[in-house]
C-alpha atoms as a PDB file:
ATOM      1  CA  UNK A   1     -26.240  -4.123  19.634  1.00  0.00           C
ATOM      2  CA  UNK A   2     -28.019  -0.491  20.395  1.00  0.00           C
ATOM      3  CA  UNK A   3     -24.737   1.204  18.767  1.00  0.00           C
ATOM      4  CA  UNK A   4     -22.405  -0.593  21.011  1.00  0.00           C
ATOM      5  CA  UNK A   5     -19.597  -3.282  20.315  1.00  0.00           C
ATOM      6  CA  UNK A   6     -20.628  -7.115  21.595  1.00  0.00           C
ATOM      7  CA  UNK A   7     -17.224  -8.497  21.217  1.00  0.00           C
ATOM      8  CA  UNK A   8     -13.932  -7.996  19.587  1.00  0.00           C
ATOM      9  CA  UNK A   9     -13.057 -10.443  16.870  1.00  0.00           C
ATOM     10  CA  UNK A  10      -9.213  -9.706  16.200  1.00  0.00           C
ATOM     11  CA  UNK A  11      -6.558  -7.847  18.137  1.00  0.00           C
ATOM     12  CA  UNK A  12      -3.377  -6.697  16.194  1.00  0.00           C
ATOM     13  CA  UNK A  13      -0.541  -5.346  18.241  1.00  0.00           C
ATOM     14  CA  UNK A  14       3.325  -4.561  17.311  1.00  0.00           C
ATOM     15  CA  UNK A  15       5.235  -4.532  20.378  1.00  0.00           C
ATOM     16  CA  UNK A  16       8.733  -3.940  20.587  1.00  0.00           C
ATOM     17  CA  UNK A  17      10.461  -6.379  23.020  1.00  0.00           C
ATOM     18  CA  UNK A  18      14.092  -7.596  23.891  1.00  0.00           C
ATOM     19  CA  UNK A  19      15.520 -10.192  22.103  1.00  0.00           C
ATOM     20  CA  UNK A  20      15.701 -12.585  25.153  1.00  0.00           C
ATOM     21  CA  UNK A  21      11.801 -12.774  25.698  1.00  0.00           C
ATOM     22  CA  UNK A  22       9.931 -15.371  23.882  1.00  0.00           C
ATOM     23  CA  UNK A  23       7.132 -14.353  21.824  1.00  0.00           C
ATOM     24  CA  UNK A  24       4.767 -16.614  23.975  1.00  0.00           C
ATOM     25  CA  UNK A  25       5.792 -14.751  27.303  1.00  0.00           C
ATOM     26  CA  UNK A  26       5.111 -11.449  25.144  1.00  0.00           C
ATOM     27  CA  UNK A  27       1.646 -12.403  24.106  1.00  0.00           C
ATOM     28  CA  UNK A  28       0.756 -14.013  27.682  1.00  0.00           C
ATOM     29  CA  UNK A  29       1.870 -10.795  29.426  1.00  0.00           C
ATOM     30  CA  UNK A  30       0.099  -8.531  26.914  1.00  0.00           C
ATOM     31  CA  UNK A  31      -3.139 -10.630  27.256  1.00  0.00           C
ATOM     32  CA  UNK A  32      -3.185 -10.227  31.092  1.00  0.00           C
ATOM     33  CA  UNK A  33      -1.468  -6.802  31.232  1.00  0.00           C
ATOM     34  CA  UNK A  34      -2.634  -4.531  28.645  1.00  0.00           C
ATOM     35  CA  UNK A  35      -5.871  -6.328  26.559  1.00  0.00           C
ATOM     36  CA  UNK A  36      -7.893  -7.195  30.053  1.00  0.00           C
ATOM     37  CA  UNK A  37      -7.911  -3.693  31.112  1.00  0.00           C
ATOM     38  CA  UNK A  38      -8.296  -1.957  27.846  1.00  0.00           C
ATOM     39  CA  UNK A  39     -10.962  -4.361  26.344  1.00  0.00           C
ATOM     40  CA  UNK A  40     -12.658  -5.901  29.021  1.00  0.00           C
ATOM     41  CA  UNK A  41     -15.275  -8.247  28.574  1.00  0.00           C
ATOM     42  CA  UNK A  42     -15.125  -7.554  24.981  1.00  0.00           C
ATOM     43  CA  UNK A  43     -12.527  -9.900  24.708  1.00  0.00           C
ATOM     44  CA  UNK A  44     -13.781 -13.614  24.316  1.00  0.00           C
ATOM     45  CA  UNK A  45     -12.321 -17.230  23.774  1.00  0.00           C
ATOM     46  CA  UNK A  46     -13.166 -16.657  19.966  1.00  0.00           C
ATOM     47  CA  UNK A  47     -11.069 -13.420  19.923  1.00  0.00           C
ATOM     48  CA  UNK A  48      -7.984 -13.869  17.559  1.00  0.00           C
ATOM     49  CA  UNK A  49      -4.578 -12.349  18.516  1.00  0.00           C
ATOM     50  CA  UNK A  50      -1.883 -11.375  15.745  1.00  0.00           C
ATOM     51  CA  UNK A  51       1.297 -10.099  17.991  1.00  0.00           C
ATOM     52  CA  UNK A  52       4.007  -9.095  15.914  1.00  0.00           C
ATOM     53  CA  UNK A  53       2.769 -11.188  13.039  1.00  0.00           C
ATOM     54  CA  UNK A  54       5.371  -9.900  10.421  1.00  0.00           C
ATOM     55  CA  UNK A  55       8.267 -11.049  12.717  1.00  0.00           C
ATOM     56  CA  UNK A  56      10.295 -10.175  15.508  1.00  0.00           C
ATOM     57  CA  UNK A  57      10.482  -6.229  16.578  1.00  0.00           C
ATOM     58  CA  UNK A  58      13.700  -5.680  18.574  1.00  0.00           C
ATOM     59  CA  UNK A  59      14.374  -2.425  17.255  1.00  0.00           C
ATOM     60  CA  UNK A  60      12.177   0.387  17.080  1.00  0.00           C
ATOM     61  CA  UNK A  61      11.738   4.260  16.885  1.00  0.00           C
ATOM     62  CA  UNK A  62      14.213   6.680  15.326  1.00  0.00           C
ATOM     63  CA  UNK A  63      16.974   4.063  15.077  1.00  0.00           C
ATOM     64  CA  UNK A  64      15.298   1.836  13.013  1.00  0.00           C
ATOM     65  CA  UNK A  65      13.350   3.959  10.540  1.00  0.00           C
ATOM     66  CA  UNK A  66      14.874   7.607  10.314  1.00  0.00           C
ATOM     67  CA  UNK A  67      15.708   8.534   6.901  1.00  0.00           C
ATOM     68  CA  UNK A  68      14.947   4.839   5.632  1.00  0.00           C
ATOM     69  CA  UNK A  69      12.059   5.727   3.560  1.00  0.00           C
ATOM     70  CA  UNK A  70      12.597   9.185   2.421  1.00  0.00           C
ATOM     71  CA  UNK A  71       8.940  10.033   3.397  1.00  0.00           C
ATOM     72  CA  UNK A  72       6.831  10.456   6.480  1.00  0.00           C
ATOM     73  CA  UNK A  73       5.394   6.824   7.560  1.00  0.00           C
ATOM     74  CA  UNK A  74       2.037   6.662   9.194  1.00  0.00           C
ATOM     75  CA  UNK A  75       3.057   5.147  12.785  1.00  0.00           C
ATOM     76  CA  UNK A  76       5.080   8.679  13.184  1.00  0.00           C
ATOM     77  CA  UNK A  77       1.897  10.539  13.524  1.00  0.00           C
ATOM     78  CA  UNK A  78       0.396   8.807  16.476  1.00  0.00           C
ATOM     79  CA  UNK A  79       1.300   9.460  19.782  1.00  0.00           C
END
């Protein structure tokens, strides 16, 4: 509306985590500690969440993918 977003339909997060933490806890913590602060009122009861949708994410960074693909992956260009 007037060039401003009304709401967020879907949030996709890939989050490295400790193997001892349940996915339900990860999702709950992210909603409370990250999404609320970043997205505020744009998130509503209809917002869909995809957290680690491709499975567990226990190992990340250079330990997980340096040299594996033989090319620079897009995630390496951020941050």
